Structure formats: structure tokens, C-alpha cells
Amino acid sequence: MNNYWLDKDKFVEKMKLDIIRQNTVTPTTFKYIKNPSEAVKLVAVQQNGCVIACIENPSEELQLSAVQQNGNSIRYIKDPSEAIQLAAVKECAYAIQDIKDPSEAVQLAAVNKNGYVVQCMESPSEAVQLAAIKQNGYVIEFIKNPSEEMKLAAVQKNGNSIRYIETPSEEIKLAAVKQDVFSIFSIVDPSEAVQLAAVQQNGFAIQYIKNPSEAVQLTAVQQNGLAIQYIKNPSEALWLAAVQQNGLAIQHIEKTS
């Protein structure tokens, strides 16, 4: 005979655990479990972190299991420790919205998960802002008066984030096109050096350059002969360079001349 039949409490405990494991537990359904043991509570929050809302004075272990399953469940935890806060934002960066006065360590953990969460922070430090940008360059759109270091970090991560940078320096422009050649589309009046940096990587970038010099045009077709299709009235030297790089370029020469 099964030992669980000989021990009613153990049998009931096993039934509760089986019910939770075999069914989707919610805060509403959990309320119907009378006098749940610590083991039952643990299994429940591991399946649905929000069940923590139904548990009085949950232990640190229960709190940790809850936020690891669902970071947003921290909203149901009174005065969570920094360890719980860190675990919560590592599971869901936006859980920081439910944390009162998060430390810089918690803020850093959040932006390392999702840079955009910096928007939810009051007066984040420069270190936090920089970490957010390094996680996602486009975050610079939401940073007021970013430093040169932040701008550089942004374009090194996502070149096209230069569209959100007012009056970028030559260094920033060069870094942007080196990361993403097509970011040149977002640069107003790029210098010849920036144009060359773009077409040296991808000749097709010339289609986004207004009135490129002969040197830029030549560099473009030397990188990819088919870039000739984006050049108006190419010179004979360009024709030759284009077909030498790619014989198929000849099909475009008549169309562009």
C-alpha cells in the first residue's frame, strides 16, 4: 500500500503539489489552497511569480523565485532587498518601474537588459546613461545633452542612431558610417572623408551621396562595379574601373551615360 495513504498530511501535500504542477496556477486559484506549505508556495511562485501577491510575509527564497519567474511580480513584494530588485530587473528591465529609489547597481542591471528603460528613471547618472546607450545606440534619442563619449558609443553600437544627434562631429560621422555605411543617408553634407569611408565599405552607399566627387565615385565602383548604376554621366575612367571590378557592370554603363 502507498505510504501516502498511511499519512494523510503527506497525501494532501502531494495532491496540492500535483494540482499546481499539472494546472496553470493563478493568484485567484491559489487562494483556494488552504494552509499551503512552504514547498507548495515555492512550486506555485516558480510557475507564476504573481502568486506571491497571495502569500503573507513571503521568505526571501519565495521572493527570489517569484521575480525570477516574472520580474514584474516585485510590485507585490514589500520592501524587497537589493538582491530581489536585481533579480527582478534581470528578468524584466521594466520591473524597475515598481522599485522605489533603485540603486545605481539596480539601474545598471536594468539598462544592461534593455537600454530603453532609462526613460523610466529619474535623473540617471552618466554611467547609467552610457550603459543604456551601449546596450542600444538608439537610446541616445532620450538622453538630454549627451556627452561626446555617449554620442560615440551610440554610433559605434548603431550607426544610424546618428539621426538623433544634433550637429555630430566629424569623428562621430566617421564612426557612424564605419558601423553602418547607410547611416550616411542621415548625415547632412558629409565631408569627402566621410563619403570615402562609406563607399570604401560598400560602393552602393554612393546612391545616398549628393554630388559625389570623382574620387568618391571611383572608390565606389572599385569597391563594387555595380555601383556605376547610381552615378550620372560616369567618365570613361569610371566605366573601366567598374567593369574591371565586375564585368556585369557593363549592363549599366549604357543606361547611365
Protein backbone atom coordinates (compact mmCIF):
# COMPACT_ATOMS: atom_id res chain seq x y z
CA MET A 1 0.00 0.00 0.00
CA ASN A 2 1.25 3.50 -0.88
CA ASN A 3 2.73 5.29 2.14
CA TYR A 4 0.82 8.45 1.25
CA TRP A 5 -2.43 6.68 2.21
CA LEU A 6 -0.94 5.98 5.63
CA ASP A 7 -0.04 9.63 6.18
CA LYS A 8 -2.95 11.92 5.39
CA ASP A 9 -0.90 15.11 5.62
CA LYS A 10 1.68 13.83 3.16
CA PHE A 11 -1.04 12.66 0.81
CA VAL A 12 -2.79 16.04 0.89
CA GLU A 13 0.56 17.77 0.35
CA LYS A 14 1.25 15.59 -2.67
CA MET A 15 -2.19 16.35 -4.10
CA LYS A 16 -1.63 20.09 -3.75
CA LEU A 17 1.75 19.86 -5.45
CA ASP A 18 0.36 17.71 -8.26
CA ILE A 19 -2.54 20.09 -8.83
CA ILE A 20 -0.19 23.07 -9.11
CA ARG A 21 2.25 21.27 -11.38
CA GLN A 22 -0.46 19.96 -13.68
CA ASN A 23 -2.52 23.14 -13.90
CA THR A 24 -1.87 26.78 -14.54
CA VAL A 25 -1.89 28.39 -11.12
CA THR A 26 -3.04 31.99 -10.74
CA PRO A 27 -3.41 34.22 -7.70
CA THR A 28 -7.15 33.54 -7.85
CA THR A 29 -6.87 29.76 -7.95
CA PHE A 30 -4.07 29.72 -5.37
CA LYS A 31 -6.42 31.25 -2.82
CA TYR A 32 -8.41 28.02 -2.81
CA ILE A 33 -5.44 26.08 -1.46
CA LYS A 34 -5.81 26.04 2.30
CA ASN A 35 -2.77 26.32 4.51
CA PRO A 36 -0.21 25.78 1.75
CA SER A 37 3.19 24.62 2.95
CA GLU A 38 6.42 26.39 2.05
CA ALA A 39 7.05 23.73 -0.61
CA VAL A 40 3.62 24.32 -2.17
CA LYS A 41 4.17 28.08 -2.16
CA LEU A 42 7.55 27.63 -3.79
CA VAL A 43 6.20 25.46 -6.61
CA ALA A 44 3.38 27.95 -7.13
CA VAL A 45 5.59 31.05 -7.48
CA GLN A 46 8.00 29.14 -9.69
CA GLN A 47 5.10 28.59 -12.06
CA ASN A 48 3.57 32.04 -11.69
CA GLY A 49 5.51 34.72 -9.86
CA CYS A 50 2.42 36.85 -9.34
CA VAL A 51 1.12 34.27 -6.85
CA ILE A 52 3.45 35.99 -4.38
CA ALA A 53 0.66 38.56 -4.02
CA CYS A 54 -1.37 35.93 -2.12
CA ILE A 55 1.39 34.94 0.29
CA GLU A 56 1.79 36.73 3.58
CA ASN A 57 5.31 37.55 4.67
CA PRO A 58 7.00 35.51 1.93
CA SER A 59 10.52 34.34 2.63
CA GLU A 60 13.49 35.66 0.66
CA GLU A 61 13.58 32.35 -1.22
CA LEU A 62 9.95 32.75 -2.29
CA GLN A 63 10.51 36.36 -3.31
CA LEU A 64 13.54 35.40 -5.37
CA SER A 65 11.74 32.55 -7.11
CA ALA A 66 8.81 34.84 -7.87
CA VAL A 67 10.83 37.61 -9.54
CA GLN A 68 12.98 35.12 -11.40
CA GLN A 69 9.81 33.73 -12.95
CA ASN A 70 8.24 37.16 -13.52
CA GLY A 71 10.21 40.29 -12.74
CA ASN A 72 7.05 42.39 -12.57
CA SER A 73 5.87 40.40 -9.55
CA ILE A 74 8.15 42.62 -7.46
CA ARG A 75 5.24 45.05 -7.28
CA TYR A 76 3.63 42.65 -4.81
CA ILE A 77 6.68 42.46 -2.54
CA LYS A 78 7.01 44.91 0.31
CA ASP A 79 10.47 46.39 0.77
CA PRO A 80 12.35 43.92 -1.45
CA SER A 81 16.08 43.60 -0.81
CA GLU A 82 18.59 44.74 -3.43
CA ALA A 83 19.19 41.08 -4.34
CA ILE A 84 15.49 40.72 -5.15
CA GLN A 85 15.48 44.00 -7.08
CA LEU A 86 18.47 42.89 -9.14
CA ALA A 87 16.87 39.55 -9.93
CA ALA A 88 13.66 41.29 -10.95
CA VAL A 89 15.22 43.72 -13.44
CA LYS A 90 17.41 40.98 -14.87
CA GLU A 91 14.24 39.05 -15.71
CA CYS A 92 12.31 42.14 -16.88
CA ALA A 93 14.05 45.50 -17.13
CA TYR A 94 10.79 47.42 -16.82
CA ALA A 95 10.25 45.94 -13.36
CA ILE A 96 12.32 48.92 -12.24
CA GLN A 97 9.16 50.99 -12.53
CA ASP A 98 7.90 49.22 -9.41
CA ILE A 99 11.08 49.76 -7.42
CA LYS A 100 11.31 52.81 -5.19
CA ASP A 101 14.62 54.67 -5.37
CA PRO A 102 16.60 51.90 -7.13
CA SER A 103 20.34 51.97 -6.52
CA GLU A 104 22.76 52.62 -9.35
CA ALA A 105 23.60 48.91 -9.37
CA VAL A 106 19.94 48.07 -9.98
CA GLN A 107 19.64 50.77 -12.64
CA LEU A 108 22.72 49.43 -14.41
CA ALA A 109 21.34 45.89 -14.34
CA ALA A 110 18.11 47.16 -15.87
CA VAL A 111 19.67 49.12 -18.74
CA ASN A 112 22.07 46.27 -19.46
CA LYS A 113 18.95 44.18 -20.07
CA ASN A 114 17.11 46.87 -22.07
CA GLY A 115 18.60 50.29 -22.68
CA TYR A 116 15.23 51.89 -23.35
CA VAL A 117 14.26 51.50 -19.69
CA VAL A 118 16.44 54.54 -18.94
CA GLN A 119 13.37 56.56 -19.88
CA CYS A 120 11.69 55.32 -16.70
CA MET A 121 14.44 56.62 -14.42
CA GLU A 122 14.64 59.96 -12.70
CA SER A 123 17.98 61.65 -13.20
CA PRO A 124 20.03 58.56 -14.14
CA SER A 125 23.78 59.00 -13.68
CA GLU A 126 26.12 59.43 -16.63
CA ALA A 127 27.33 55.87 -16.07
CA VAL A 128 23.77 54.54 -16.31
CA GLN A 129 23.05 56.60 -19.43
CA LEU A 130 26.24 55.39 -21.07
CA ALA A 131 25.44 51.77 -20.25
CA ALA A 132 21.97 52.20 -21.73
CA ILE A 133 23.42 53.59 -24.95
CA LYS A 134 25.96 50.79 -25.17
CA GLN A 135 23.11 48.31 -24.93
CA ASN A 136 21.16 50.09 -27.69
CA GLY A 137 22.56 53.09 -29.55
CA TYR A 138 19.11 54.41 -30.44
CA VAL A 139 18.55 55.19 -26.75
CA ILE A 140 20.51 58.40 -27.31
CA GLU A 141 17.26 59.87 -28.62
CA PHE A 142 16.06 60.05 -25.00
CA ILE A 143 19.26 61.42 -23.44
CA LYS A 144 19.36 65.16 -22.85
CA ASN A 145 22.62 66.85 -23.73
CA PRO A 146 24.61 63.64 -24.32
CA SER A 147 28.37 63.86 -23.96
CA GLU A 148 30.73 63.22 -26.85
CA GLU A 149 31.55 59.85 -25.27
CA MET A 150 27.85 58.93 -25.31
CA LYS A 151 27.45 60.01 -28.93
CA LEU A 152 30.43 57.92 -29.95
CA ALA A 153 29.15 54.90 -28.03
CA ALA A 154 25.76 55.28 -29.70
CA VAL A 155 27.03 55.26 -33.29
CA GLN A 156 29.54 52.53 -32.58
CA LYS A 157 26.62 50.36 -31.47
CA ASN A 158 24.10 51.51 -34.10
CA GLY A 159 25.49 53.78 -36.79
CA ASN A 160 22.09 55.02 -37.87
CA SER A 161 21.48 56.42 -34.38
CA ILE A 162 23.34 59.47 -35.69
CA ARG A 163 19.95 60.71 -36.84
CA TYR A 164 19.23 61.59 -33.20
CA ILE A 165 22.47 63.51 -32.67
CA GLU A 166 22.45 67.24 -33.28
CA THR A 167 25.47 68.62 -35.11
CA PRO A 168 27.65 65.49 -34.81
CA SER A 169 31.40 65.98 -35.06
CA GLU A 170 33.49 64.57 -37.90
CA GLU A 171 34.67 61.79 -35.57
CA ILE A 172 31.09 60.80 -34.82
CA LYS A 173 30.17 60.81 -38.52
CA LEU A 174 33.13 58.62 -39.41
CA ALA A 175 32.34 56.20 -36.61
CA ALA A 176 28.72 56.04 -37.75
CA VAL A 177 29.45 55.11 -41.36
CA LYS A 178 32.07 52.61 -40.28
CA GLN A 179 29.42 50.83 -38.22
CA ASP A 180 26.66 51.21 -40.82
CA VAL A 181 27.58 52.65 -44.21
CA PHE A 182 23.99 53.55 -44.97
CA SER A 183 23.88 55.88 -41.99
CA ILE A 184 25.36 58.40 -44.42
CA PHE A 185 21.76 58.91 -45.52
CA SER A 186 21.15 60.62 -42.16
CA ILE A 187 24.22 62.86 -42.33
CA VAL A 188 23.77 66.39 -43.66
CA ASP A 189 26.53 67.46 -46.04
CA PRO A 190 29.05 64.72 -45.20
CA SER A 191 32.67 65.61 -45.89
CA GLU A 192 34.60 63.80 -48.60
CA ALA A 193 36.41 61.83 -45.88
CA VAL A 194 33.06 60.56 -44.55
CA GLN A 195 31.85 59.80 -48.07
CA LEU A 196 35.01 57.84 -48.80
CA ALA A 197 34.73 55.90 -45.54
CA ALA A 198 31.21 54.86 -46.57
CA VAL A 199 31.88 53.80 -50.18
CA GLN A 200 35.10 52.03 -49.22
CA GLN A 201 32.93 49.59 -47.28
CA ASN A 202 30.00 49.45 -49.67
CA GLY A 203 30.01 51.11 -53.05
CA PHE A 204 26.22 51.20 -53.14
CA ALA A 205 26.30 53.86 -50.42
CA ILE A 206 27.02 56.36 -53.19
CA GLN A 207 23.32 56.43 -54.04
CA TYR A 208 22.78 58.47 -50.86
CA ILE A 209 25.54 60.99 -51.59
CA LYS A 210 24.66 64.19 -53.40
CA ASN A 211 27.15 65.34 -55.99
CA PRO A 212 29.98 62.94 -55.07
CA SER A 213 33.45 63.88 -56.30
CA GLU A 214 35.24 61.89 -58.97
CA ALA A 215 37.42 60.38 -56.24
CA VAL A 216 34.37 59.19 -54.30
CA GLN A 217 32.77 57.81 -57.45
CA LEU A 218 35.94 55.96 -58.38
CA THR A 219 36.29 54.48 -54.89
CA ALA A 220 32.66 53.33 -55.03
CA VAL A 221 32.98 51.43 -58.31
CA GLN A 222 36.34 49.99 -57.27
CA GLN A 223 34.58 48.53 -54.25
CA ASN A 224 31.59 47.34 -56.29
CA GLY A 225 31.44 47.82 -60.03
CA LEU A 226 27.65 47.65 -59.99
CA ALA A 227 27.61 50.96 -58.08
CA ILE A 228 28.06 52.59 -61.51
CA GLN A 229 24.28 52.45 -61.91
CA TYR A 230 23.95 55.22 -59.31
CA ILE A 231 26.42 57.57 -60.99
CA LYS A 232 25.18 60.11 -63.54
CA ASN A 233 27.27 60.57 -66.63
CA PRO A 234 30.23 58.45 -65.48
CA SER A 235 33.60 59.18 -67.05
CA GLU A 236 35.47 56.67 -69.16
CA ALA A 237 37.82 56.04 -66.23
CA LEU A 238 34.82 55.09 -64.09
CA TRP A 239 33.46 52.77 -66.78
CA LEU A 240 36.78 50.99 -66.97
CA ALA A 241 37.14 50.69 -63.19
CA ALA A 242 33.58 49.41 -62.87
CA VAL A 243 33.85 46.60 -65.44
CA GLN A 244 37.29 45.64 -64.15
CA GLN A 245 35.75 45.12 -60.72
CA ASN A 246 32.63 43.41 -62.03
CA GLY A 247 32.05 42.56 -65.66
CA LEU A 248 28.29 42.72 -65.15
CA ALA A 249 28.64 46.47 -64.65
CA ILE A 250 28.66 46.85 -68.41
CA GLN A 251 24.88 46.44 -68.49
CA HIS A 252 24.54 49.71 -66.56
CA ILE A 253 27.07 51.79 -68.45
CA GLU A 254 24.84 52.50 -71.42
CA LYS A 255 21.95 53.37 -69.12
CA THR A 256 23.96 55.89 -67.11
CA SER A 257 25.84 57.51 -69.96
